Amino acid sequence: MGYPLDLRRPSGGDPLPATMDGHAGAVVFGGPMSANDDGTLDYIRRELNWIPSVLDSGKPFLGICLGAQMLARVLGAKVEPHPERKAEIGYHPVRPTPAGQRLFDREARFYQWHIEGFGVPSSAELLATGDMFANQAFRYRAAYGIQFHPEVTGRIMEFWTTVAAQRLTLPGAQAKDEQLRHRPASERHVRGWLRRFLGVWLDGG
């Protein structure tokens, strides 16, 4: 989209920006840790403490998977495992709610890799739903939280399914060959969807 990136890795000791001055927005990505690990992982606690400064700035915020779960926690919602301990891994359908029709024009498969999901904060609106984890996307002012991974490329998928292959044996997880079958059609849709979404997001809509 033409924006230079300022990459920070709190888990590796990188500091977070003191203010959002000079930044157009913030994206918090996913990871294997939990949004509830702030009692044991210092960088999770630092990110949870930092997110309100982004929200207060009015700049666009996007949380992806873990990032969305941290946003939900900051706004007062719970982050919990599936009640049947299922893992949503692979390409799963995501459907728009009436409030999400502008961003999600139809049901489509998006890549998922998580064992916890977020509640929808009382101050936010639900934009998209799914079958295994009902809450897939929400909006709070200029902040969005999405449970799925539109940023995942074939190379990333190959890496995840190799280094974390044991997670593919969890209940609910798709086998690697099934993921490979779904990938071409999903990727064609998600590329266009992501560009449209980022345009709305960066515009503060």
N, C-alpha and C. Protein backbone atom coordinates (compact mmCIF):
# COMPACT_ATOMS: atom_id res chain seq x y z
N MET A 1 0.82 -1.21 0.00
CA MET A 1 0.00 0.00 0.00
C MET A 1 0.85 1.27 0.00
N GLY A 2 2.19 1.11 -0.07
CA GLY A 2 3.07 2.26 -0.16
C GLY A 2 3.56 2.82 1.15
N TYR A 3 3.25 2.17 2.27
CA TYR A 3 3.67 2.66 3.58
C TYR A 3 4.99 1.99 3.99
N PRO A 4 5.99 2.76 4.44
CA PRO A 4 7.18 2.12 5.01
C PRO A 4 6.81 1.47 6.34
N LEU A 5 7.51 0.41 6.69
CA LEU A 5 7.19 -0.35 7.89
C LEU A 5 8.22 -0.13 8.99
N ASP A 6 7.73 0.02 10.19
CA ASP A 6 8.57 0.11 11.38
C ASP A 6 8.30 -1.17 12.18
N LEU A 7 9.16 -2.15 12.03
CA LEU A 7 8.92 -3.47 12.62
C LEU A 7 9.48 -3.54 14.03
N ARG A 8 8.65 -3.92 14.98
CA ARG A 8 9.06 -4.08 16.37
C ARG A 8 8.74 -5.51 16.82
N ARG A 9 9.64 -6.10 17.58
CA ARG A 9 9.46 -7.46 18.08
C ARG A 9 9.61 -7.44 19.60
N PRO A 10 8.51 -7.19 20.31
CA PRO A 10 8.61 -7.11 21.78
C PRO A 10 9.15 -8.39 22.41
N SER A 11 8.82 -9.54 21.83
CA SER A 11 9.31 -10.80 22.41
C SER A 11 10.82 -10.92 22.30
N GLY A 12 11.43 -10.15 21.40
CA GLY A 12 12.88 -10.13 21.27
C GLY A 12 13.53 -8.95 21.97
N GLY A 13 12.72 -8.17 22.71
CA GLY A 13 13.26 -7.06 23.47
C GLY A 13 13.10 -5.70 22.82
N ASP A 14 12.50 -5.63 21.63
CA ASP A 14 12.33 -4.33 20.98
C ASP A 14 11.36 -3.46 21.77
N PRO A 15 11.67 -2.16 21.91
CA PRO A 15 10.75 -1.24 22.59
C PRO A 15 9.56 -0.92 21.69
N LEU A 16 8.44 -0.57 22.29
CA LEU A 16 7.27 -0.13 21.54
C LEU A 16 7.30 1.39 21.43
N PRO A 17 6.70 1.97 20.37
CA PRO A 17 6.73 3.43 20.22
C PRO A 17 6.12 4.13 21.43
N ALA A 18 6.77 5.19 21.88
CA ALA A 18 6.27 5.94 23.03
C ALA A 18 4.97 6.65 22.70
N THR A 19 4.84 7.09 21.44
CA THR A 19 3.60 7.72 20.96
C THR A 19 3.36 7.24 19.54
N MET A 20 2.19 7.56 19.01
CA MET A 20 1.87 7.21 17.63
C MET A 20 2.23 8.34 16.67
N ASP A 21 2.87 9.39 17.16
CA ASP A 21 3.32 10.47 16.28
C ASP A 21 4.29 9.90 15.25
N GLY A 22 4.07 10.19 14.00
CA GLY A 22 4.95 9.68 12.95
C GLY A 22 4.55 8.31 12.43
N HIS A 23 3.50 7.73 12.98
CA HIS A 23 3.00 6.44 12.51
C HIS A 23 1.57 6.61 12.01
N ALA A 24 1.26 5.96 10.89
CA ALA A 24 -0.09 6.04 10.33
C ALA A 24 -1.04 5.07 11.01
N GLY A 25 -0.51 4.02 11.61
CA GLY A 25 -1.33 3.00 12.26
C GLY A 25 -0.45 1.94 12.87
N ALA A 26 -1.09 0.96 13.49
CA ALA A 26 -0.34 -0.13 14.13
C ALA A 26 -1.01 -1.46 13.83
N VAL A 27 -0.19 -2.46 13.58
CA VAL A 27 -0.66 -3.83 13.38
C VAL A 27 0.03 -4.72 14.40
N VAL A 28 -0.73 -5.51 15.14
CA VAL A 28 -0.18 -6.49 16.07
C VAL A 28 -0.51 -7.87 15.53
N PHE A 29 0.51 -8.64 15.25
CA PHE A 29 0.34 -9.96 14.64
C PHE A 29 0.12 -11.05 15.69
N GLY A 30 0.13 -12.29 15.23
CA GLY A 30 -0.15 -13.43 16.08
C GLY A 30 1.09 -14.07 16.66
N GLY A 31 0.89 -15.20 17.31
CA GLY A 31 1.98 -15.95 17.91
C GLY A 31 1.42 -17.10 18.71
N PRO A 32 2.26 -18.05 19.10
CA PRO A 32 1.78 -19.23 19.82
C PRO A 32 1.45 -18.97 21.28
N MET A 33 1.82 -17.81 21.80
CA MET A 33 1.53 -17.49 23.20
C MET A 33 0.06 -17.07 23.34
N SER A 34 -0.37 -16.86 24.57
CA SER A 34 -1.76 -16.48 24.84
C SER A 34 -1.84 -15.02 25.27
N ALA A 35 -2.96 -14.40 24.97
CA ALA A 35 -3.22 -13.05 25.46
C ALA A 35 -3.39 -13.03 26.97
N ASN A 36 -3.55 -14.20 27.57
CA ASN A 36 -3.68 -14.31 29.03
C ASN A 36 -2.34 -14.57 29.72
N ASP A 37 -1.24 -14.53 28.96
CA ASP A 37 0.08 -14.84 29.52
C ASP A 37 0.77 -13.62 30.11
N ASP A 38 0.02 -12.55 30.37
CA ASP A 38 0.66 -11.33 30.88
C ASP A 38 1.24 -11.51 32.28
N GLY A 39 0.81 -12.55 33.00
CA GLY A 39 1.37 -12.80 34.32
C GLY A 39 2.72 -13.47 34.27
N THR A 40 3.06 -14.09 33.11
CA THR A 40 4.32 -14.82 32.99
C THR A 40 5.23 -14.29 31.89
N LEU A 41 4.68 -13.59 30.92
CA LEU A 41 5.48 -13.06 29.81
C LEU A 41 5.44 -11.54 29.84
N ASP A 42 6.58 -10.95 30.10
CA ASP A 42 6.65 -9.49 30.25
C ASP A 42 6.21 -8.77 28.98
N TYR A 43 6.57 -9.30 27.80
CA TYR A 43 6.25 -8.59 26.57
C TYR A 43 4.76 -8.62 26.26
N ILE A 44 4.04 -9.65 26.71
CA ILE A 44 2.58 -9.65 26.55
C ILE A 44 1.98 -8.56 27.44
N ARG A 45 2.47 -8.45 28.65
CA ARG A 45 1.99 -7.40 29.54
C ARG A 45 2.29 -6.02 28.97
N ARG A 46 3.49 -5.84 28.39
CA ARG A 46 3.84 -4.55 27.81
C ARG A 46 2.95 -4.20 26.61
N GLU A 47 2.64 -5.20 25.79
CA GLU A 47 1.77 -4.94 24.64
C GLU A 47 0.35 -4.61 25.09
N LEU A 48 -0.16 -5.34 26.08
CA LEU A 48 -1.49 -5.04 26.60
C LEU A 48 -1.54 -3.62 27.18
N ASN A 49 -0.47 -3.19 27.84
CA ASN A 49 -0.42 -1.86 28.40
C ASN A 49 -0.25 -0.78 27.33
N TRP A 50 0.30 -1.17 26.17
CA TRP A 50 0.59 -0.22 25.10
C TRP A 50 -0.61 0.01 24.19
N ILE A 51 -1.43 -1.00 23.98
CA ILE A 51 -2.55 -0.89 23.03
C ILE A 51 -3.46 0.30 23.33
N PRO A 52 -3.80 0.60 24.60
CA PRO A 52 -4.66 1.76 24.83
C PRO A 52 -4.08 3.08 24.29
N SER A 53 -2.76 3.20 24.24
CA SER A 53 -2.18 4.44 23.71
C SER A 53 -2.47 4.58 22.22
N VAL A 54 -2.53 3.45 21.51
CA VAL A 54 -2.89 3.48 20.09
C VAL A 54 -4.36 3.86 19.95
N LEU A 55 -5.21 3.23 20.74
CA LEU A 55 -6.64 3.53 20.68
C LEU A 55 -6.90 5.00 20.99
N ASP A 56 -6.21 5.52 22.01
CA ASP A 56 -6.41 6.92 22.40
C ASP A 56 -5.93 7.89 21.31
N SER A 57 -4.97 7.46 20.51
CA SER A 57 -4.45 8.33 19.46
C SER A 57 -5.43 8.51 18.31
N GLY A 58 -6.38 7.57 18.18
CA GLY A 58 -7.31 7.61 17.07
C GLY A 58 -6.75 7.05 15.78
N LYS A 59 -5.48 6.61 15.82
CA LYS A 59 -4.87 6.03 14.62
C LYS A 59 -5.42 4.61 14.40
N PRO A 60 -5.45 4.14 13.14
CA PRO A 60 -5.94 2.79 12.87
C PRO A 60 -5.12 1.73 13.59
N PHE A 61 -5.81 0.77 14.19
CA PHE A 61 -5.18 -0.37 14.85
C PHE A 61 -5.76 -1.63 14.25
N LEU A 62 -4.90 -2.61 13.96
CA LEU A 62 -5.34 -3.90 13.46
C LEU A 62 -4.68 -5.00 14.28
N GLY A 63 -5.49 -5.82 14.92
CA GLY A 63 -4.99 -6.98 15.63
C GLY A 63 -5.34 -8.24 14.87
N ILE A 64 -4.34 -9.08 14.62
CA ILE A 64 -4.54 -10.33 13.88
C ILE A 64 -4.30 -11.49 14.82
N CYS A 65 -5.29 -12.35 15.00
CA CYS A 65 -5.23 -13.53 15.86
C CYS A 65 -4.87 -13.12 17.30
N LEU A 66 -3.65 -13.38 17.74
CA LEU A 66 -3.25 -12.97 19.09
C LEU A 66 -3.44 -11.47 19.28
N GLY A 67 -3.13 -10.69 18.24
CA GLY A 67 -3.31 -9.24 18.33
C GLY A 67 -4.77 -8.87 18.55
N ALA A 68 -5.69 -9.59 17.90
CA ALA A 68 -7.12 -9.36 18.11
C ALA A 68 -7.55 -9.77 19.50
N GLN A 69 -6.98 -10.86 19.99
CA GLN A 69 -7.31 -11.33 21.33
C GLN A 69 -6.82 -10.35 22.39
N MET A 70 -5.64 -9.76 22.17
CA MET A 70 -5.16 -8.74 23.11
C MET A 70 -6.04 -7.50 23.07
N LEU A 71 -6.47 -7.10 21.88
CA LEU A 71 -7.38 -5.96 21.76
C LEU A 71 -8.68 -6.25 22.51
N ALA A 72 -9.21 -7.45 22.34
CA ALA A 72 -10.44 -7.82 23.05
C ALA A 72 -10.25 -7.74 24.55
N ARG A 73 -9.12 -8.24 25.05
CA ARG A 73 -8.85 -8.18 26.50
C ARG A 73 -8.76 -6.74 26.99
N VAL A 74 -8.08 -5.90 26.24
CA VAL A 74 -7.95 -4.50 26.62
C VAL A 74 -9.33 -3.84 26.73
N LEU A 75 -10.25 -4.27 25.87
CA LEU A 75 -11.60 -3.69 25.86
C LEU A 75 -12.56 -4.41 26.79
N GLY A 76 -12.05 -5.34 27.60
CA GLY A 76 -12.86 -5.95 28.64
C GLY A 76 -13.47 -7.29 28.33
N ALA A 77 -13.15 -7.90 27.19
CA ALA A 77 -13.71 -9.20 26.83
C ALA A 77 -12.75 -10.33 27.23
N LYS A 78 -13.27 -11.54 27.29
CA LYS A 78 -12.47 -12.69 27.66
C LYS A 78 -11.83 -13.34 26.44
N VAL A 79 -10.69 -13.97 26.66
CA VAL A 79 -10.03 -14.81 25.67
C VAL A 79 -9.95 -16.20 26.26
N GLU A 80 -10.55 -17.19 25.56
CA GLU A 80 -10.68 -18.53 26.13
C GLU A 80 -10.50 -19.61 25.07
N PRO A 81 -10.13 -20.83 25.49
CA PRO A 81 -10.09 -21.95 24.56
C PRO A 81 -11.50 -22.33 24.10
N HIS A 82 -11.58 -23.10 23.04
CA HIS A 82 -12.85 -23.65 22.59
C HIS A 82 -13.41 -24.53 23.70
N PRO A 83 -14.73 -24.51 23.94
CA PRO A 83 -15.29 -25.33 25.03
C PRO A 83 -15.04 -26.82 24.88
N GLU A 84 -14.83 -27.28 23.65
CA GLU A 84 -14.51 -28.69 23.41
C GLU A 84 -13.03 -28.89 23.11
N ARG A 85 -12.23 -27.86 23.40
CA ARG A 85 -10.78 -27.90 23.22
C ARG A 85 -10.38 -28.15 21.76
N LYS A 86 -11.18 -27.63 20.84
CA LYS A 86 -10.87 -27.78 19.42
C LYS A 86 -9.89 -26.71 18.98
N ALA A 87 -9.15 -27.04 17.92
CA ALA A 87 -8.22 -26.09 17.32
C ALA A 87 -8.73 -25.71 15.94
N GLU A 88 -8.85 -24.43 15.68
CA GLU A 88 -9.26 -23.97 14.35
C GLU A 88 -8.00 -23.72 13.54
N ILE A 89 -7.60 -24.73 12.79
CA ILE A 89 -6.38 -24.67 12.00
C ILE A 89 -6.71 -25.10 10.59
N GLY A 90 -6.32 -24.29 9.61
CA GLY A 90 -6.63 -24.57 8.22
C GLY A 90 -7.55 -23.50 7.65
N TYR A 91 -8.16 -23.81 6.52
CA TYR A 91 -9.04 -22.85 5.84
C TYR A 91 -10.48 -23.10 6.26
N HIS A 92 -11.06 -22.12 6.96
CA HIS A 92 -12.41 -22.26 7.49
C HIS A 92 -13.28 -21.10 7.02
N PRO A 93 -14.60 -21.36 6.85
CA PRO A 93 -15.50 -20.31 6.36
C PRO A 93 -15.66 -19.17 7.36
N VAL A 94 -15.68 -17.97 6.84
CA VAL A 94 -15.96 -16.75 7.61
C VAL A 94 -17.12 -16.06 6.92
N ARG A 95 -18.15 -15.71 7.70
CA ARG A 95 -19.37 -15.12 7.15
C ARG A 95 -19.60 -13.71 7.71
N PRO A 96 -20.03 -12.77 6.88
CA PRO A 96 -20.29 -11.42 7.38
C PRO A 96 -21.57 -11.36 8.21
N THR A 97 -21.57 -10.52 9.22
CA THR A 97 -22.80 -10.14 9.92
C THR A 97 -23.40 -8.97 9.15
N PRO A 98 -24.63 -8.56 9.47
CA PRO A 98 -25.17 -7.36 8.82
C PRO A 98 -24.25 -6.15 8.96
N ALA A 99 -23.61 -6.00 10.12
CA ALA A 99 -22.70 -4.87 10.32
C ALA A 99 -21.42 -5.00 9.51
N GLY A 100 -21.10 -6.21 9.08
CA GLY A 100 -19.85 -6.44 8.36
C GLY A 100 -19.97 -6.53 6.86
N GLN A 101 -21.17 -6.25 6.33
CA GLN A 101 -21.38 -6.40 4.89
C GLN A 101 -20.46 -5.51 4.06
N ARG A 102 -20.09 -4.36 4.59
CA ARG A 102 -19.22 -3.46 3.83
C ARG A 102 -17.83 -4.06 3.61
N LEU A 103 -17.36 -4.81 4.60
CA LEU A 103 -16.01 -5.37 4.52
C LEU A 103 -15.98 -6.80 4.00
N PHE A 104 -17.02 -7.56 4.28
CA PHE A 104 -17.09 -8.96 3.86
C PHE A 104 -18.30 -9.11 2.94
N ASP A 105 -18.07 -9.12 1.64
CA ASP A 105 -19.20 -9.14 0.73
C ASP A 105 -19.84 -10.52 0.59
N ARG A 106 -19.14 -11.56 1.05
CA ARG A 106 -19.69 -12.92 0.97
C ARG A 106 -18.92 -13.83 1.91
N GLU A 107 -19.47 -15.03 2.09
CA GLU A 107 -18.75 -16.05 2.87
C GLU A 107 -17.52 -16.51 2.09
N ALA A 108 -16.42 -16.68 2.79
CA ALA A 108 -15.19 -17.14 2.15
C ALA A 108 -14.33 -17.85 3.18
N ARG A 109 -13.42 -18.68 2.67
CA ARG A 109 -12.50 -19.38 3.56
C ARG A 109 -11.25 -18.54 3.80
N PHE A 110 -10.91 -18.38 5.07
CA PHE A 110 -9.70 -17.68 5.47
C PHE A 110 -8.82 -18.64 6.28
N TYR A 111 -7.52 -18.38 6.27
CA TYR A 111 -6.60 -19.26 7.00
C TYR A 111 -6.66 -18.98 8.49
N GLN A 112 -6.71 -20.05 9.27
CA GLN A 112 -6.82 -19.95 10.73
C GLN A 112 -5.70 -20.79 11.37
N TRP A 113 -5.27 -20.32 12.55
CA TRP A 113 -4.29 -21.12 13.31
C TRP A 113 -4.36 -20.66 14.78
N HIS A 114 -5.31 -21.21 15.51
CA HIS A 114 -5.47 -20.79 16.91
C HIS A 114 -6.24 -21.84 17.70
N ILE A 115 -6.02 -21.81 19.02
CA ILE A 115 -6.75 -22.70 19.93
C ILE A 115 -7.57 -21.90 20.94
N GLU A 116 -7.46 -20.56 20.88
CA GLU A 116 -8.26 -19.70 21.74
C GLU A 116 -9.03 -18.71 20.86
N GLY A 117 -10.12 -18.19 21.40
CA GLY A 117 -10.90 -17.20 20.69
C GLY A 117 -11.25 -16.05 21.61
N PHE A 118 -11.74 -14.97 21.02
CA PHE A 118 -12.08 -13.79 21.81
C PHE A 118 -13.58 -13.60 21.92
N GLY A 119 -14.00 -13.04 23.05
CA GLY A 119 -15.34 -12.53 23.17
C GLY A 119 -15.41 -11.17 22.49
N VAL A 120 -16.63 -10.73 22.18
CA VAL A 120 -16.79 -9.42 21.55
C VAL A 120 -17.00 -8.38 22.64
N PRO A 121 -16.13 -7.40 22.75
CA PRO A 121 -16.30 -6.37 23.77
C PRO A 121 -17.66 -5.68 23.65
N SER A 122 -18.22 -5.27 24.77
CA SER A 122 -19.53 -4.64 24.76
C SER A 122 -19.53 -3.35 23.98
N SER A 123 -18.38 -2.70 23.85
CA SER A 123 -18.27 -1.44 23.13
C SER A 123 -18.00 -1.62 21.64
N ALA A 124 -17.90 -2.87 21.18
CA ALA A 124 -17.53 -3.16 19.79
C ALA A 124 -18.70 -3.78 19.04
N GLU A 125 -18.56 -3.86 17.71
CA GLU A 125 -19.57 -4.52 16.89
C GLU A 125 -18.95 -5.71 16.17
N LEU A 126 -19.68 -6.82 16.16
CA LEU A 126 -19.22 -8.04 15.50
C LEU A 126 -19.41 -7.91 13.99
N LEU A 127 -18.36 -8.19 13.23
CA LEU A 127 -18.38 -8.02 11.78
C LEU A 127 -18.44 -9.34 11.02
N ALA A 128 -17.95 -10.42 11.62
CA ALA A 128 -17.91 -11.70 10.92
C ALA A 128 -17.95 -12.85 11.91
N THR A 129 -18.53 -13.96 11.49
CA THR A 129 -18.69 -15.13 12.34
C THR A 129 -18.14 -16.37 11.64
N GLY A 130 -17.98 -17.43 12.43
CA GLY A 130 -17.54 -18.70 11.90
C GLY A 130 -18.23 -19.83 12.61
N ASP A 131 -17.92 -21.06 12.22
CA ASP A 131 -18.60 -22.23 12.79
C ASP A 131 -17.96 -22.70 14.09
N MET A 132 -16.66 -22.89 14.09
CA MET A 132 -15.98 -23.44 15.26
C MET A 132 -15.81 -22.37 16.34
N PHE A 133 -15.28 -21.23 15.95
CA PHE A 133 -15.18 -20.07 16.83
C PHE A 133 -16.09 -19.00 16.25
N ALA A 134 -17.15 -18.69 16.97
CA ALA A 134 -18.20 -17.84 16.41
C ALA A 134 -17.71 -16.44 16.08
N ASN A 135 -16.83 -15.89 16.89
CA ASN A 135 -16.40 -14.50 16.71
C ASN A 135 -15.14 -14.44 15.86
N GLN A 136 -15.25 -13.85 14.67
CA GLN A 136 -14.13 -13.83 13.74
C GLN A 136 -13.59 -12.44 13.44
N ALA A 137 -14.40 -11.41 13.62
CA ALA A 137 -13.92 -10.05 13.37
C ALA A 137 -14.81 -9.07 14.12
N PHE A 138 -14.18 -8.03 14.68
CA PHE A 138 -14.96 -6.98 15.34
C PHE A 138 -14.28 -5.64 15.13
N ARG A 139 -15.06 -4.59 15.35
CA ARG A 139 -14.55 -3.23 15.20
C ARG A 139 -14.87 -2.41 16.45
N TYR A 140 -13.90 -1.63 16.86
CA TYR A 140 -14.08 -0.65 17.93
C TYR A 140 -13.46 0.65 17.45
N ARG A 141 -14.29 1.61 17.08
CA ARG A 141 -13.82 2.88 16.54
C ARG A 141 -12.90 2.62 15.34
N ALA A 142 -11.63 3.05 15.40
CA ALA A 142 -10.71 2.83 14.29
C ALA A 142 -9.89 1.56 14.46
N ALA A 143 -10.28 0.71 15.40
CA ALA A 143 -9.55 -0.53 15.68
C ALA A 143 -10.35 -1.74 15.22
N TYR A 144 -9.64 -2.67 14.59
CA TYR A 144 -10.24 -3.91 14.12
C TYR A 144 -9.49 -5.10 14.71
N GLY A 145 -10.22 -6.12 15.07
CA GLY A 145 -9.62 -7.38 15.49
C GLY A 145 -10.14 -8.48 14.59
N ILE A 146 -9.24 -9.26 14.00
CA ILE A 146 -9.64 -10.38 13.15
C ILE A 146 -8.96 -11.65 13.65
N GLN A 147 -9.72 -12.74 13.72
CA GLN A 147 -9.20 -13.99 14.26
C GLN A 147 -8.35 -14.75 13.24
N PHE A 148 -8.61 -14.52 11.96
CA PHE A 148 -7.96 -15.28 10.89
C PHE A 148 -6.69 -14.58 10.42
N HIS A 149 -6.01 -15.20 9.44
CA HIS A 149 -4.68 -14.74 9.01
C HIS A 149 -4.66 -14.44 7.51
N PRO A 150 -5.08 -13.24 7.10
CA PRO A 150 -5.01 -12.92 5.67
C PRO A 150 -3.59 -12.69 5.18
N GLU A 151 -2.65 -12.53 6.11
CA GLU A 151 -1.26 -12.26 5.72
C GLU A 151 -0.47 -13.52 5.38
N VAL A 152 -1.06 -14.68 5.62
CA VAL A 152 -0.32 -15.93 5.45
C VAL A 152 -0.15 -16.27 3.97
N THR A 153 1.10 -16.48 3.56
CA THR A 153 1.43 -16.90 2.20
C THR A 153 1.64 -18.42 2.18
N GLY A 154 1.80 -18.97 0.99
CA GLY A 154 2.09 -20.39 0.89
C GLY A 154 3.36 -20.78 1.63
N ARG A 155 4.35 -19.89 1.58
CA ARG A 155 5.62 -20.16 2.26
C ARG A 155 5.43 -20.20 3.78
N ILE A 156 4.64 -19.26 4.31
CA ILE A 156 4.37 -19.26 5.75
C ILE A 156 3.59 -20.51 6.15
N MET A 157 2.57 -20.86 5.35
CA MET A 157 1.78 -22.05 5.65
C MET A 157 2.66 -23.30 5.68
N GLU A 158 3.57 -23.42 4.72
CA GLU A 158 4.48 -24.56 4.67
C GLU A 158 5.35 -24.60 5.93
N PHE A 159 5.82 -23.43 6.37
CA PHE A 159 6.66 -23.36 7.56
C PHE A 159 5.88 -23.77 8.80
N TRP A 160 4.69 -23.20 8.98
CA TRP A 160 3.89 -23.51 10.17
C TRP A 160 3.53 -24.98 10.23
N THR A 161 3.10 -25.53 9.10
CA THR A 161 2.65 -26.93 9.11
C THR A 161 3.82 -27.90 9.22
N THR A 162 5.04 -27.40 9.08
CA THR A 162 6.22 -28.25 9.25
C THR A 162 6.77 -28.15 10.66
N VAL A 163 7.03 -26.93 11.13
CA VAL A 163 7.64 -26.78 12.46
C VAL A 163 6.64 -27.05 13.58
N ALA A 164 5.36 -26.89 13.31
CA ALA A 164 4.33 -27.16 14.33
C ALA A 164 3.38 -28.25 13.85
N ALA A 165 3.94 -29.26 13.19
CA ALA A 165 3.12 -30.32 12.62
C ALA A 165 2.29 -31.05 13.66
N GLN A 166 2.76 -31.08 14.91
CA GLN A 166 2.01 -31.78 15.94
C GLN A 166 0.66 -31.14 16.19
N ARG A 167 0.52 -29.86 15.89
CA ARG A 167 -0.77 -29.19 16.10
C ARG A 167 -1.83 -29.67 15.11
N LEU A 168 -1.39 -30.25 14.00
CA LEU A 168 -2.34 -30.75 13.01
C LEU A 168 -3.07 -32.00 13.50
N THR A 169 -2.63 -32.56 14.62
CA THR A 169 -3.30 -33.74 15.19
C THR A 169 -4.37 -33.33 16.22
N LEU A 170 -4.48 -32.03 16.51
CA LEU A 170 -5.47 -31.58 17.48
C LEU A 170 -6.88 -31.70 16.91
N PRO A 171 -7.89 -31.92 17.76
CA PRO A 171 -9.27 -32.00 17.27
C PRO A 171 -9.67 -30.72 16.55
N GLY A 172 -10.23 -30.87 15.36
CA GLY A 172 -10.68 -29.73 14.58
C GLY A 172 -9.68 -29.25 13.55
N ALA A 173 -8.41 -29.61 13.69
CA ALA A 173 -7.38 -29.14 12.76
C ALA A 173 -7.48 -29.88 11.43
N GLN A 174 -7.31 -29.13 10.34
CA GLN A 174 -7.28 -29.74 9.02
C GLN A 174 -5.92 -30.37 8.76
N ALA A 175 -5.93 -31.51 8.07
CA ALA A 175 -4.69 -32.13 7.64
C ALA A 175 -4.01 -31.24 6.60
N LYS A 176 -2.71 -31.39 6.47
CA LYS A 176 -1.96 -30.53 5.56
C LYS A 176 -2.44 -30.66 4.12
N ASP A 177 -2.76 -31.89 3.68
CA ASP A 177 -3.19 -32.05 2.29
C ASP A 177 -4.53 -31.35 2.04
N GLU A 178 -5.40 -31.32 3.04
CA GLU A 178 -6.67 -30.60 2.89
C GLU A 178 -6.41 -29.10 2.82
N GLN A 179 -5.48 -28.60 3.61
CA GLN A 179 -5.13 -27.19 3.55
C GLN A 179 -4.60 -26.83 2.16
N LEU A 180 -3.79 -27.68 1.61
CA LEU A 180 -3.23 -27.42 0.27
C LEU A 180 -4.32 -27.40 -0.79
N ARG A 181 -5.37 -28.20 -0.61
CA ARG A 181 -6.47 -28.21 -1.58
C ARG A 181 -7.25 -26.90 -1.54
N HIS A 182 -7.45 -26.37 -0.35
CA HIS A 182 -8.23 -25.14 -0.21
C HIS A 182 -7.44 -23.88 -0.56
N ARG A 183 -6.13 -23.97 -0.51
CA ARG A 183 -5.31 -22.76 -0.61
C ARG A 183 -5.48 -21.97 -1.90
N PRO A 184 -5.46 -22.56 -3.11
CA PRO A 184 -5.52 -21.73 -4.33
C PRO A 184 -6.75 -20.84 -4.41
N ALA A 185 -7.93 -21.41 -4.16
CA ALA A 185 -9.15 -20.60 -4.27
C ALA A 185 -9.21 -19.56 -3.17
N SER A 186 -8.81 -19.93 -1.97
CA SER A 186 -8.82 -18.97 -0.86
C SER A 186 -7.86 -17.82 -1.12
N GLU A 187 -6.67 -18.15 -1.58
CA GLU A 187 -5.66 -17.12 -1.79
C GLU A 187 -6.10 -16.11 -2.83
N ARG A 188 -6.75 -16.56 -3.90
CA ARG A 188 -7.21 -15.64 -4.93
C ARG A 188 -8.20 -14.62 -4.34
N HIS A 189 -9.11 -15.11 -3.50
CA HIS A 189 -10.10 -14.22 -2.89
C HIS A 189 -9.45 -13.30 -1.85
N VAL A 190 -8.60 -13.86 -1.00
CA VAL A 190 -8.06 -13.11 0.12
C VAL A 190 -7.14 -11.97 -0.35
N ARG A 191 -6.42 -12.17 -1.42
CA ARG A 191 -5.55 -11.09 -1.92
C ARG A 191 -6.37 -9.84 -2.23
N GLY A 192 -7.47 -10.02 -2.96
CA GLY A 192 -8.33 -8.88 -3.28
C GLY A 192 -9.01 -8.32 -2.04
N TRP A 193 -9.48 -9.23 -1.17
CA TRP A 193 -10.15 -8.79 0.05
C TRP A 193 -9.22 -7.96 0.92
N LEU A 194 -7.98 -8.40 1.08
CA LEU A 194 -7.04 -7.72 1.97
C LEU A 194 -6.74 -6.31 1.47
N ARG A 195 -6.57 -6.15 0.16
CA ARG A 195 -6.29 -4.82 -0.37
C ARG A 195 -7.47 -3.88 -0.11
N ARG A 196 -8.69 -4.39 -0.33
CA ARG A 196 -9.88 -3.55 -0.08
C ARG A 196 -10.00 -3.22 1.41
N PHE A 197 -9.78 -4.23 2.25
CA PHE A 197 -9.89 -4.02 3.69
C PHE A 197 -8.88 -3.00 4.19
N LEU A 198 -7.63 -3.13 3.74
CA LEU A 198 -6.60 -2.20 4.21
C LEU A 198 -6.91 -0.77 3.79
N GLY A 199 -7.52 -0.61 2.61
CA GLY A 199 -7.92 0.73 2.19
C GLY A 199 -8.93 1.34 3.13
N VAL A 200 -9.94 0.54 3.53
CA VAL A 200 -10.94 1.03 4.48
C VAL A 200 -10.30 1.29 5.83
N TRP A 201 -9.48 0.35 6.29
CA TRP A 201 -8.83 0.46 7.60
C TRP A 201 -7.94 1.69 7.69
N LEU A 202 -7.10 1.90 6.69
CA LEU A 202 -6.18 3.03 6.73
C LEU A 202 -6.90 4.37 6.61
N ASP A 203 -8.10 4.32 6.05
CA ASP A 203 -8.90 5.53 5.92
C ASP A 203 -9.66 5.84 7.20
N GLY A 204 -9.51 4.96 8.20
CA GLY A 204 -10.19 5.17 9.47
C GLY A 204 -11.64 4.73 9.45
N GLY A 205 -12.05 4.04 8.36
CA GLY A 205 -13.44 3.57 8.26
C GLY A 205 -13.60 2.32 8.91
